């Protein structure tokens, strides 16, 4: 067996120091007391990350930990929530040793301090399969103010934060053996747009974080809102590094918009001036890329207004 602590030593030595809130009882009990706030709803989300699917076997352990936490915080951001705590479950193959776990716990600690979100509890198991980890994150939002997927209305603008496709470009770079470091950083360490999410309360009519791909996730909003979303491909924001890597053709734009792992916020709103004010408050770029109309589904147009065929809108597990 790899050199690593026993289950209880692992918890006591590496993860109990991260359980800084009194309700976690230093991870010494079977359950924790979840934080609550008067006049607020408690928002709960969970994401599982599996080696070979969500990260590469050779990725640094601290980066794996930070990505696992950040993708959950991204879900909270898209709902307009403020993080309150999280649970962590680890399934560890034999090759994971103490040094790996120390780096993992260090990365987790750095991020939870940066985002102000303590560990509340979790579980650890051994597995004969690949490394997998699941985080369940909790956050607070004023009662009734959570931004759902289902509020988009005809006439709303469609917006996206940041740039799209960088994470997909970063994965391609890692798999090919060379390319811009900033794209690798975007793949390994997404930036949850928490400040923007909070600023969009009462401004965005619907929102979702971009995990499966921009087009796939906008299609989710269209579906549950019973509307049609029209996207102008040329307006989709892409970084200079990604343009240099993949080019600027319609196919390259669709590639970026379907690659996934961006963890930006895609949203709709009827209030463009307030959207830009929210973006300024949060210090995040926001781009209008289309509009909502009557109908169903999602369509992408080129600058001449012609529909661009999209064979696959984004990543699917099954």
C-alpha atoms as a PDB file:
ATOM      1  CA  UNK A   1       0.000   0.000   0.000  1.00  0.00           C
ATOM      2  CA  UNK A   2       1.209   3.520  -0.722  1.00  0.00           C
ATOM      3  CA  UNK A   3       2.747   5.433   2.175  1.00  0.00           C
ATOM      4  CA  UNK A   4      -0.162   7.407   3.571  1.00  0.00           C
ATOM      5  CA  UNK A   5      -1.899   7.882   6.930  1.00  0.00           C
ATOM      6  CA  UNK A   6      -4.762   5.689   8.089  1.00  0.00           C
ATOM      7  CA  UNK A   7      -8.245   7.036   7.433  1.00  0.00           C
ATOM      8  CA  UNK A   8      -8.593   8.645  10.860  1.00  0.00           C
ATOM      9  CA  UNK A   9      -5.025   9.960  10.910  1.00  0.00           C
ATOM     10  CA  UNK A  10      -5.612  11.420   7.467  1.00  0.00           C
ATOM     11  CA  UNK A  11      -8.660  13.260   8.740  1.00  0.00           C
ATOM     12  CA  UNK A  12      -7.017  14.446  11.967  1.00  0.00           C
ATOM     13  CA  UNK A  13      -3.693  15.496  10.474  1.00  0.00           C
ATOM     14  CA  UNK A  14      -4.576  16.960   7.087  1.00  0.00           C
ATOM     15  CA  UNK A  15      -8.263  17.884   6.976  1.00  0.00           C
ATOM     16  CA  UNK A  16      -9.392  18.719  10.526  1.00  0.00           C
ATOM     17  CA  UNK A  17      -7.297  21.924  10.403  1.00  0.00           C
ATOM     18  CA  UNK A  18      -9.491  23.034   7.491  1.00  0.00           C
ATOM     19  CA  UNK A  19     -12.689  22.604   9.534  1.00  0.00           C
ATOM     20  CA  UNK A  20     -12.516  26.048  11.093  1.00  0.00           C
ATOM     21  CA  UNK A  21     -16.199  26.632  11.865  1.00  0.00           C
ATOM     22  CA  UNK A  22     -17.529  25.459  15.285  1.00  0.00           C
ATOM     23  CA  UNK A  23     -20.327  23.470  13.649  1.00  0.00           C
ATOM     24  CA  UNK A  24     -17.786  21.127  12.034  1.00  0.00           C
ATOM     25  CA  UNK A  25     -16.558  19.922  15.467  1.00  0.00           C
ATOM     26  CA  UNK A  26     -13.026  19.549  14.036  1.00  0.00           C
ATOM     27  CA  UNK A  27     -14.378  16.598  11.987  1.00  0.00           C
ATOM     28  CA  UNK A  28     -14.745  14.556  15.189  1.00  0.00           C
ATOM     29  CA  UNK A  29     -18.430  13.704  14.758  1.00  0.00           C
ATOM     30  CA  UNK A  30     -20.604  11.924  12.172  1.00  0.00           C
ATOM     31  CA  UNK A  31     -22.328  15.110  11.050  1.00  0.00           C
ATOM     32  CA  UNK A  32     -21.990  18.877  11.133  1.00  0.00           C
ATOM     33  CA  UNK A  33     -24.311  21.763  11.844  1.00  0.00           C
ATOM     34  CA  UNK A  34     -24.812  23.603   8.563  1.00  0.00           C
ATOM     35  CA  UNK A  35     -24.595  27.404   8.855  1.00  0.00           C
ATOM     36  CA  UNK A  36     -27.882  29.244   8.482  1.00  0.00           C
ATOM     37  CA  UNK A  37     -28.650  32.928   8.167  1.00  0.00           C
ATOM     38  CA  UNK A  38     -31.896  34.655   9.079  1.00  0.00           C
ATOM     39  CA  UNK A  39     -33.834  35.899   6.059  1.00  0.00           C
ATOM     40  CA  UNK A  40     -31.779  33.800   3.640  1.00  0.00           C
ATOM     41  CA  UNK A  41     -32.220  30.558   1.717  1.00  0.00           C
ATOM     42  CA  UNK A  42     -29.559  27.861   2.006  1.00  0.00           C
ATOM     43  CA  UNK A  43     -28.376  26.898  -1.500  1.00  0.00           C
ATOM     44  CA  UNK A  44     -26.792  23.442  -1.968  1.00  0.00           C
ATOM     45  CA  UNK A  45     -24.865  22.104  -4.973  1.00  0.00           C
ATOM     46  CA  UNK A  46     -22.572  19.146  -5.617  1.00  0.00           C
ATOM     47  CA  UNK A  47     -20.066  18.121  -8.276  1.00  0.00           C
ATOM     48  CA  UNK A  48     -17.968  14.976  -8.640  1.00  0.00           C
ATOM     49  CA  UNK A  49     -14.573  15.062 -10.360  1.00  0.00           C
ATOM     50  CA  UNK A  50     -13.050  11.865 -11.766  1.00  0.00           C
ATOM     51  CA  UNK A  51      -9.474  11.368 -12.929  1.00  0.00           C
ATOM     52  CA  UNK A  52      -9.305  11.098 -16.701  1.00  0.00           C
ATOM     53  CA  UNK A  53     -12.652  12.872 -17.104  1.00  0.00           C
ATOM     54  CA  UNK A  54     -12.352  16.177 -15.223  1.00  0.00           C
ATOM     55  CA  UNK A  55      -8.599  16.311 -14.656  1.00  0.00           C
ATOM     56  CA  UNK A  56      -5.493  14.505 -15.829  1.00  0.00           C
ATOM     57  CA  UNK A  57      -3.565  11.954 -13.751  1.00  0.00           C
ATOM     58  CA  UNK A  58      -0.462  14.124 -13.906  1.00  0.00           C
ATOM     59  CA  UNK A  59      -2.130  17.343 -12.759  1.00  0.00           C
ATOM     60  CA  UNK A  60      -0.649  18.798  -9.546  1.00  0.00           C
ATOM     61  CA  UNK A  61      -2.591  17.647  -6.459  1.00  0.00           C
ATOM     62  CA  UNK A  62      -3.038  21.189  -5.162  1.00  0.00           C
ATOM     63  CA  UNK A  63      -4.568  22.207  -8.504  1.00  0.00           C
ATOM     64  CA  UNK A  64      -6.943  19.218  -8.423  1.00  0.00           C
ATOM     65  CA  UNK A  65      -8.140  20.233  -4.958  1.00  0.00           C
ATOM     66  CA  UNK A  66      -8.620  23.845  -5.943  1.00  0.00           C
ATOM     67  CA  UNK A  67     -10.477  22.974  -9.141  1.00  0.00           C
ATOM     68  CA  UNK A  68     -12.826  20.666  -7.226  1.00  0.00           C
ATOM     69  CA  UNK A  69     -13.733  23.466  -4.828  1.00  0.00           C
ATOM     70  CA  UNK A  70     -13.950  26.144  -7.503  1.00  0.00           C
ATOM     71  CA  UNK A  71     -16.328  24.300  -9.829  1.00  0.00           C
ATOM     72  CA  UNK A  72     -18.766  24.034  -6.932  1.00  0.00           C
ATOM     73  CA  UNK A  73     -18.320  27.686  -6.027  1.00  0.00           C
ATOM     74  CA  UNK A  74     -19.061  28.465  -9.672  1.00  0.00           C
ATOM     75  CA  UNK A  75     -22.469  26.830  -9.290  1.00  0.00           C
ATOM     76  CA  UNK A  76     -23.133  29.007  -6.236  1.00  0.00           C
ATOM     77  CA  UNK A  77     -21.963  32.077  -8.161  1.00  0.00           C
ATOM     78  CA  UNK A  78     -24.478  31.480 -10.945  1.00  0.00           C
ATOM     79  CA  UNK A  79     -27.236  31.353  -8.347  1.00  0.00           C
ATOM     80  CA  UNK A  80     -26.166  34.647  -6.763  1.00  0.00           C
ATOM     81  CA  UNK A  81     -25.132  32.891  -3.553  1.00  0.00           C
ATOM     82  CA  UNK A  82     -22.406  33.635  -1.028  1.00  0.00           C
ATOM     83  CA  UNK A  83     -20.399  30.527   0.014  1.00  0.00           C
ATOM     84  CA  UNK A  84     -20.979  29.207   3.532  1.00  0.00           C
ATOM     85  CA  UNK A  85     -19.253  25.797   3.755  1.00  0.00           C
ATOM     86  CA  UNK A  86     -18.555  22.524   1.956  1.00  0.00           C
ATOM     87  CA  UNK A  87     -18.317  18.752   2.344  1.00  0.00           C
ATOM     88  CA  UNK A  88     -15.541  16.685   0.760  1.00  0.00           C
ATOM     89  CA  UNK A  89     -15.586  12.989  -0.153  1.00  0.00           C
ATOM     90  CA  UNK A  90     -12.399  11.325  -1.435  1.00  0.00           C
ATOM     91  CA  UNK A  91     -11.999   7.913  -3.097  1.00  0.00           C
ATOM     92  CA  UNK A  92      -8.260   7.201  -3.164  1.00  0.00           C
ATOM     93  CA  UNK A  93      -6.393   4.587  -5.219  1.00  0.00           C
ATOM     94  CA  UNK A  94      -3.354   2.923  -3.624  1.00  0.00           C
ATOM     95  CA  UNK A  95      -0.811   5.059  -5.488  1.00  0.00           C
ATOM     96  CA  UNK A  96      -1.894   8.191  -3.620  1.00  0.00           C
ATOM     97  CA  UNK A  97       0.717   8.703  -0.882  1.00  0.00           C
ATOM     98  CA  UNK A  98       1.140  11.091   2.024  1.00  0.00           C
ATOM     99  CA  UNK A  99       3.108  13.670   0.040  1.00  0.00           C
ATOM    100  CA  UNK A 100       0.354  13.843  -2.585  1.00  0.00           C
ATOM    101  CA  UNK A 101      -2.272  14.269   0.133  1.00  0.00           C
ATOM    102  CA  UNK A 102      -0.274  16.983   1.881  1.00  0.00           C
ATOM    103  CA  UNK A 103      -0.115  19.004  -1.344  1.00  0.00           C
ATOM    104  CA  UNK A 104      -3.824  18.363  -1.951  1.00  0.00           C
ATOM    105  CA  UNK A 105      -4.779  19.583   1.534  1.00  0.00           C
ATOM    106  CA  UNK A 106      -2.503  22.614   1.190  1.00  0.00           C
ATOM    107  CA  UNK A 107      -4.166  23.665  -2.063  1.00  0.00           C
ATOM    108  CA  UNK A 108      -7.606  23.164  -0.573  1.00  0.00           C
ATOM    109  CA  UNK A 109      -6.670  25.258   2.448  1.00  0.00           C
ATOM    110  CA  UNK A 110      -5.336  28.092   0.325  1.00  0.00           C
ATOM    111  CA  UNK A 111      -8.523  28.294  -1.703  1.00  0.00           C
ATOM    112  CA  UNK A 112     -10.950  27.954   1.167  1.00  0.00           C
ATOM    113  CA  UNK A 113      -9.148  30.831   2.883  1.00  0.00           C
ATOM    114  CA  UNK A 114      -9.236  32.898  -0.303  1.00  0.00           C
ATOM    115  CA  UNK A 115     -12.973  32.334  -0.781  1.00  0.00           C
ATOM    116  CA  UNK A 116     -13.954  32.293   2.904  1.00  0.00           C
ATOM    117  CA  UNK A 117     -15.591  28.853   2.816  1.00  0.00           C
ATOM    118  CA  UNK A 118     -14.726  26.295   5.564  1.00  0.00           C
ATOM    119  CA  UNK A 119     -14.719  22.503   5.385  1.00  0.00           C
ATOM    120  CA  UNK A 120     -17.664  21.029   7.326  1.00  0.00           C
ATOM    121  CA  UNK A 121     -17.097  17.283   6.887  1.00  0.00           C
ATOM    122  CA  UNK A 122     -17.048  14.472   4.376  1.00  0.00           C
ATOM    123  CA  UNK A 123     -15.801  10.931   3.840  1.00  0.00           C
ATOM    124  CA  UNK A 124     -12.687   9.046   2.725  1.00  0.00           C
ATOM    125  CA  UNK A 125     -12.576   5.623   1.086  1.00  0.00           C
ATOM    126  CA  UNK A 126     -10.156   3.452  -0.846  1.00  0.00           C
ATOM    127  CA  UNK A 127     -10.914   2.513  -4.456  1.00  0.00           C
ATOM    128  CA  UNK A 128      -9.448   0.139  -7.045  1.00  0.00           C
ATOM    129  CA  UNK A 129     -10.533   2.586  -9.727  1.00  0.00           C
ATOM    130  CA  UNK A 130      -9.358   6.086 -10.639  1.00  0.00           C
ATOM    131  CA  UNK A 131      -9.070   8.901  -8.131  1.00  0.00           C
ATOM    132  CA  UNK A 132     -12.417  10.611  -7.610  1.00  0.00           C
ATOM    133  CA  UNK A 133     -13.590  13.372  -5.337  1.00  0.00           C
ATOM    134  CA  UNK A 134     -16.948  14.974  -4.656  1.00  0.00           C
ATOM    135  CA  UNK A 135     -17.601  18.338  -3.060  1.00  0.00           C
ATOM    136  CA  UNK A 136     -20.978  19.516  -1.849  1.00  0.00           C
ATOM    137  CA  UNK A 137     -21.006  23.282  -1.363  1.00  0.00           C
ATOM    138  CA  UNK A 138     -23.518  25.402   0.517  1.00  0.00           C
ATOM    139  CA  UNK A 139     -24.221  29.090   0.247  1.00  0.00           C
ATOM    140  CA  UNK A 140     -26.655  31.786   1.313  1.00  0.00           C
ATOM    141  CA  UNK A 141     -28.827  34.032  -0.803  1.00  0.00           C
ATOM    142  CA  UNK A 142     -31.533  36.459   0.404  1.00  0.00           C
ATOM    143  CA  UNK A 143     -34.851  34.607   0.600  1.00  0.00           C
ATOM    144  CA  UNK A 144     -36.411  34.259  -2.845  1.00  0.00           C
ATOM    145  CA  UNK A 145     -33.457  35.884  -4.657  1.00  0.00           C
ATOM    146  CA  UNK A 146     -31.752  32.808  -6.112  1.00  0.00           C
ATOM    147  CA  UNK A 147     -31.221  33.210  -9.860  1.00  0.00           C
ATOM    148  CA  UNK A 148     -32.749  30.158 -11.541  1.00  0.00           C
ATOM    149  CA  UNK A 149     -32.413  28.745 -15.055  1.00  0.00           C
ATOM    150  CA  UNK A 150     -36.096  29.161 -15.763  1.00  0.00           C
ATOM    151  CA  UNK A 151     -36.651  32.930 -15.901  1.00  0.00           C
ATOM    152  CA  UNK A 152     -35.493  33.888 -19.413  1.00  0.00           C
ATOM    153  CA  UNK A 153     -38.089  35.840 -21.413  1.00  0.00           C
ATOM    154  CA  UNK A 154     -38.438  36.919 -25.030  1.00  0.00           C
ATOM    155  CA  UNK A 155     -36.691  40.253 -25.490  1.00  0.00           C
ATOM    156  CA  UNK A 156     -33.957  39.565 -22.929  1.00  0.00           C
ATOM    157  CA  UNK A 157     -30.333  39.926 -23.927  1.00  0.00           C
ATOM    158  CA  UNK A 158     -27.979  36.950 -23.594  1.00  0.00           C
ATOM    159  CA  UNK A 159     -24.667  37.565 -21.838  1.00  0.00           C
ATOM    160  CA  UNK A 160     -21.469  35.740 -20.883  1.00  0.00           C
ATOM    161  CA  UNK A 161     -18.731  36.662 -18.427  1.00  0.00           C
ATOM    162  CA  UNK A 162     -15.015  36.446 -19.216  1.00  0.00           C
ATOM    163  CA  UNK A 163     -13.793  34.502 -22.243  1.00  0.00           C
ATOM    164  CA  UNK A 164     -14.903  31.158 -23.639  1.00  0.00           C
ATOM    165  CA  UNK A 165     -12.894  28.126 -24.766  1.00  0.00           C
ATOM    166  CA  UNK A 166      -9.684  28.764 -22.810  1.00  0.00           C
ATOM    167  CA  UNK A 167     -10.085  25.646 -20.668  1.00  0.00           C
ATOM    168  CA  UNK A 168     -10.673  23.498 -23.741  1.00  0.00           C
ATOM    169  CA  UNK A 169      -7.594  25.035 -25.294  1.00  0.00           C
ATOM    170  CA  UNK A 170      -5.626  24.321 -22.118  1.00  0.00           C
ATOM    171  CA  UNK A 171      -6.621  20.670 -22.180  1.00  0.00           C
ATOM    172  CA  UNK A 172      -5.586  20.433 -25.826  1.00  0.00           C
ATOM    173  CA  UNK A 173      -2.238  21.993 -24.950  1.00  0.00           C
ATOM    174  CA  UNK A 174      -1.650  19.515 -22.125  1.00  0.00           C
ATOM    175  CA  UNK A 175      -2.559  16.586 -24.364  1.00  0.00           C
ATOM    176  CA  UNK A 176      -0.343  17.771 -27.209  1.00  0.00           C
ATOM    177  CA  UNK A 177       2.647  18.609 -25.041  1.00  0.00           C
ATOM    178  CA  UNK A 178       3.062  22.339 -25.541  1.00  0.00           C
ATOM    179  CA  UNK A 179       1.325  25.690 -25.796  1.00  0.00           C
ATOM    180  CA  UNK A 180       0.344  28.857 -23.890  1.00  0.00           C
ATOM    181  CA  UNK A 181       0.654  28.512 -20.104  1.00  0.00           C
ATOM    182  CA  UNK A 182      -2.323  30.829 -19.553  1.00  0.00           C
ATOM    183  CA  UNK A 183      -4.628  28.327 -21.246  1.00  0.00           C
ATOM    184  CA  UNK A 184      -3.363  25.505 -19.024  1.00  0.00           C
ATOM    185  CA  UNK A 185      -4.039  27.744 -16.026  1.00  0.00           C
ATOM    186  CA  UNK A 186      -7.629  28.303 -17.164  1.00  0.00           C
ATOM    187  CA  UNK A 187      -8.153  24.538 -17.481  1.00  0.00           C
ATOM    188  CA  UNK A 188      -6.685  23.709 -14.091  1.00  0.00           C
ATOM    189  CA  UNK A 189      -7.882  26.710 -12.088  1.00  0.00           C
ATOM    190  CA  UNK A 190     -11.250  28.182 -13.091  1.00  0.00           C
ATOM    191  CA  UNK A 191     -12.321  31.490 -11.545  1.00  0.00           C
ATOM    192  CA  UNK A 192     -15.764  31.303  -9.907  1.00  0.00           C
ATOM    193  CA  UNK A 193     -17.522  34.614 -10.575  1.00  0.00           C
ATOM    194  CA  UNK A 194     -18.936  35.023  -7.075  1.00  0.00           C
ATOM    195  CA  UNK A 195     -18.931  38.824  -6.987  1.00  0.00           C
ATOM    196  CA  UNK A 196     -20.669  39.008 -10.353  1.00  0.00           C
ATOM    197  CA  UNK A 197     -23.294  36.473  -9.287  1.00  0.00           C
ATOM    198  CA  UNK A 198     -24.162  38.531  -6.229  1.00  0.00           C
ATOM    199  CA  UNK A 199     -24.322  41.716  -8.311  1.00  0.00           C
ATOM    200  CA  UNK A 200     -26.740  40.026 -10.751  1.00  0.00           C
ATOM    201  CA  UNK A 201     -29.418  39.369  -8.122  1.00  0.00           C
ATOM    202  CA  UNK A 202     -32.555  41.102  -9.346  1.00  0.00           C
ATOM    203  CA  UNK A 203     -30.841  41.905 -12.661  1.00  0.00           C
ATOM    204  CA  UNK A 204     -30.443  38.522 -14.381  1.00  0.00           C
ATOM    205  CA  UNK A 205     -33.657  36.720 -15.321  1.00  0.00           C
ATOM    206  CA  UNK A 206     -31.890  33.341 -15.650  1.00  0.00           C
ATOM    207  CA  UNK A 207     -28.326  32.121 -15.182  1.00  0.00           C
ATOM    208  CA  UNK A 208     -26.129  29.025 -15.358  1.00  0.00           C
ATOM    209  CA  UNK A 209     -22.421  28.373 -14.961  1.00  0.00           C
ATOM    210  CA  UNK A 210     -20.702  27.114 -18.100  1.00  0.00           C
ATOM    211  CA  UNK A 211     -19.429  23.607 -17.396  1.00  0.00           C
ATOM    212  CA  UNK A 212     -20.596  21.434 -20.312  1.00  0.00           C
ATOM    213  CA  UNK A 213     -20.044  24.127 -22.953  1.00  0.00           C
ATOM    214  CA  UNK A 214     -21.536  27.569 -23.596  1.00  0.00           C
ATOM    215  CA  UNK A 215     -24.031  26.400 -26.223  1.00  0.00           C
ATOM    216  CA  UNK A 216     -25.100  23.321 -24.247  1.00  0.00           C
ATOM    217  CA  UNK A 217     -25.643  25.332 -21.087  1.00  0.00           C
ATOM    218  CA  UNK A 218     -27.544  28.121 -22.842  1.00  0.00           C
ATOM    219  CA  UNK A 219     -29.712  25.382 -24.341  1.00  0.00           C
ATOM    220  CA  UNK A 220     -30.526  24.281 -20.770  1.00  0.00           C
ATOM    221  CA  UNK A 221     -31.801  27.801 -20.029  1.00  0.00           C
ATOM    222  CA  UNK A 222     -33.837  27.810 -23.251  1.00  0.00           C
ATOM    223  CA  UNK A 223     -35.340  24.439 -22.403  1.00  0.00           C
ATOM    224  CA  UNK A 224     -36.476  25.141 -18.839  1.00  0.00           C
ATOM    225  CA  UNK A 225     -37.545  28.712 -19.715  1.00  0.00           C
ATOM    226  CA  UNK A 226     -39.546  27.522 -22.774  1.00  0.00           C
ATOM    227  CA  UNK A 227     -37.890  30.074 -25.068  1.00  0.00           C
ATOM    228  CA  UNK A 228     -35.490  30.166 -28.018  1.00  0.00           C
ATOM    229  CA  UNK A 229     -31.997  31.585 -27.586  1.00  0.00           C
ATOM    230  CA  UNK A 230     -30.230  33.134 -30.578  1.00  0.00           C
ATOM    231  CA  UNK A 231     -26.438  33.500 -30.356  1.00  0.00           C
ATOM    232  CA  UNK A 232     -24.218  35.591 -32.646  1.00  0.00           C
ATOM    233  CA  UNK A 233     -21.067  33.510 -33.030  1.00  0.00           C
ATOM    234  CA  UNK A 234     -18.755  36.433 -33.760  1.00  0.00           C
ATOM    235  CA  UNK A 235     -19.682  38.065 -30.446  1.00  0.00           C
ATOM    236  CA  UNK A 236     -18.541  35.114 -28.314  1.00  0.00           C
ATOM    237  CA  UNK A 237     -15.494  36.453 -26.427  1.00  0.00           C
ATOM    238  CA  UNK A 238     -12.263  34.483 -26.840  1.00  0.00           C
ATOM    239  CA  UNK A 239      -8.802  35.274 -25.557  1.00  0.00           C
ATOM    240  CA  UNK A 240      -5.891  36.199 -27.804  1.00  0.00           C
ATOM    241  CA  UNK A 241      -4.115  33.012 -26.708  1.00  0.00           C
ATOM    242  CA  UNK A 242      -7.032  30.843 -27.790  1.00  0.00           C
ATOM    243  CA  UNK A 243      -7.420  32.665 -31.105  1.00  0.00           C
ATOM    244  CA  UNK A 244      -3.732  32.069 -31.782  1.00  0.00           C
ATOM    245  CA  UNK A 245      -4.127  28.366 -30.939  1.00  0.00           C
ATOM    246  CA  UNK A 246      -7.380  27.526 -32.744  1.00  0.00           C
ATOM    247  CA  UNK A 247      -7.837  30.366 -35.205  1.00  0.00           C
ATOM    248  CA  UNK A 248     -10.815  32.619 -35.860  1.00  0.00           C
ATOM    249  CA  UNK A 249     -12.973  30.627 -38.268  1.00  0.00           C
ATOM    250  CA  UNK A 250     -16.639  29.794 -37.574  1.00  0.00           C
ATOM    251  CA  UNK A 251     -15.544  26.228 -36.809  1.00  0.00           C
ATOM    252  CA  UNK A 252     -12.999  27.521 -34.277  1.00  0.00           C
ATOM    253  CA  UNK A 253     -15.676  29.654 -32.587  1.00  0.00           C
ATOM    254  CA  UNK A 254     -18.044  26.689 -32.339  1.00  0.00           C
ATOM    255  CA  UNK A 255     -15.174  24.595 -30.969  1.00  0.00           C
ATOM    256  CA  UNK A 256     -14.616  27.153 -28.210  1.00  0.00           C
ATOM    257  CA  UNK A 257     -18.344  27.414 -27.467  1.00  0.00           C
ATOM    258  CA  UNK A 258     -18.756  23.653 -27.074  1.00  0.00           C
ATOM    259  CA  UNK A 259     -15.493  22.691 -25.307  1.00  0.00           C
ATOM    260  CA  UNK A 260     -16.729  23.213 -21.741  1.00  0.00           C
ATOM    261  CA  UNK A 261     -14.958  23.655 -18.392  1.00  0.00           C
ATOM    262  CA  UNK A 262     -15.084  27.460 -18.653  1.00  0.00           C
ATOM    263  CA  UNK A 263     -16.988  28.066 -15.387  1.00  0.00           C
ATOM    264  CA  UNK A 264     -18.098  31.498 -16.513  1.00  0.00           C
ATOM    265  CA  UNK A 265     -21.662  32.719 -15.930  1.00  0.00           C
ATOM    266  CA  UNK A 266     -24.053  32.677 -18.905  1.00  0.00           C
ATOM    267  CA  UNK A 267     -27.216  34.634 -18.211  1.00  0.00           C
ATOM    268  CA  UNK A 268     -30.155  36.555 -19.613  1.00  0.00           C
ATOM    269  CA  UNK A 269     -31.452  39.977 -18.662  1.00  0.00           C
ATOM    270  CA  UNK A 270     -33.750  42.724 -19.894  1.00  0.00           C
ATOM    271  CA  UNK A 271     -31.607  45.401 -18.207  1.00  0.00           C
ATOM    272  CA  UNK A 272     -28.382  45.940 -20.155  1.00  0.00           C
ATOM    273  CA  UNK A 273     -27.340  49.078 -18.290  1.00  0.00           C
ATOM    274  CA  UNK A 274     -27.689  47.320 -14.941  1.00  0.00           C
ATOM    275  CA  UNK A 275     -25.813  44.298 -16.322  1.00  0.00           C
ATOM    276  CA  UNK A 276     -22.840  46.484 -17.193  1.00  0.00           C
ATOM    277  CA  UNK A 277     -23.013  48.196 -13.817  1.00  0.00           C
ATOM    278  CA  UNK A 278     -22.924  44.756 -12.148  1.00  0.00           C
ATOM    279  CA  UNK A 279     -19.941  43.769 -14.286  1.00  0.00           C
ATOM    280  CA  UNK A 280     -18.134  46.951 -13.274  1.00  0.00           C
ATOM    281  CA  UNK A 281     -18.858  46.357  -9.592  1.00  0.00           C
ATOM    282  CA  UNK A 282     -17.508  42.811  -9.853  1.00  0.00           C
ATOM    283  CA  UNK A 283     -14.500  43.760 -11.983  1.00  0.00           C
ATOM    284  CA  UNK A 284     -15.407  41.117 -14.582  1.00  0.00           C
ATOM    285  CA  UNK A 285     -15.863  41.610 -18.318  1.00  0.00           C
ATOM    286  CA  UNK A 286     -19.343  40.786 -19.622  1.00  0.00           C
ATOM    287  CA  UNK A 287     -20.315  40.514 -23.292  1.00  0.00           C
ATOM    288  CA  UNK A 288     -23.761  40.520 -24.895  1.00  0.00           C
ATOM    289  CA  UNK A 289     -23.775  37.627 -27.382  1.00  0.00           C
ATOM    290  CA  UNK A 290     -27.403  37.290 -28.426  1.00  0.00           C
ATOM    291  CA  UNK A 291     -31.037  37.550 -27.460  1.00  0.00           C
ATOM    292  CA  UNK A 292     -34.045  35.543 -26.282  1.00  0.00           C
ATOM    293  CA  UNK A 293     -37.070  35.126 -28.520  1.00  0.00           C
ATOM    294  CA  UNK A 294     -40.295  33.178 -28.743  1.00  0.00           C
ATOM    295  CA  UNK A 295     -39.885  29.538 -29.691  1.00  0.00           C
ATOM    296  CA  UNK A 296     -37.716  26.673 -28.502  1.00  0.00           C
ATOM    297  CA  UNK A 297     -34.085  25.558 -28.594  1.00  0.00           C
ATOM    298  CA  UNK A 298     -30.892  27.392 -29.465  1.00  0.00           C
ATOM    299  CA  UNK A 299     -29.545  28.702 -32.758  1.00  0.00           C
ATOM    300  CA  UNK A 300     -26.143  30.153 -33.698  1.00  0.00           C
ATOM    301  CA  UNK A 301     -25.703  32.701 -36.515  1.00  0.00           C
ATOM    302  CA  UNK A 302     -22.687  33.941 -38.471  1.00  0.00           C
ATOM    303  CA  UNK A 303     -22.178  37.693 -39.157  1.00  0.00           C
ATOM    304  CA  UNK A 304     -24.349  37.446 -42.298  1.00  0.00           C
ATOM    305  CA  UNK A 305     -27.227  36.003 -40.276  1.00  0.00           C
ATOM    306  CA  UNK A 306     -26.844  32.466 -41.620  1.00  0.00           C
ATOM    307  CA  UNK A 307     -27.396  29.623 -39.220  1.00  0.00           C
ATOM    308  CA  UNK A 308     -24.255  27.709 -38.242  1.00  0.00           C
ATOM    309  CA  UNK A 309     -24.761  23.975 -37.915  1.00  0.00           C
ATOM    310  CA  UNK A 310     -23.618  22.642 -34.530  1.00  0.00           C
ATOM    311  CA  UNK A 311     -23.208  18.877 -34.418  1.00  0.00           C
ATOM    312  CA  UNK A 312     -22.570  18.684 -30.668  1.00  0.00           C
ATOM    313  CA  UNK A 313     -23.498  21.513 -28.304  1.00  0.00           C
ATOM    314  CA  UNK A 314     -21.193  20.408 -25.499  1.00  0.00           C
ATOM    315  CA  UNK A 315     -19.863  17.653 -23.284  1.00  0.00           C
ATOM    316  CA  UNK A 316     -22.113  14.809 -22.112  1.00  0.00           C
ATOM    317  CA  UNK A 317     -21.198  11.959 -19.754  1.00  0.00           C
ATOM    318  CA  UNK A 318     -23.545   9.415 -21.309  1.00  0.00           C
END
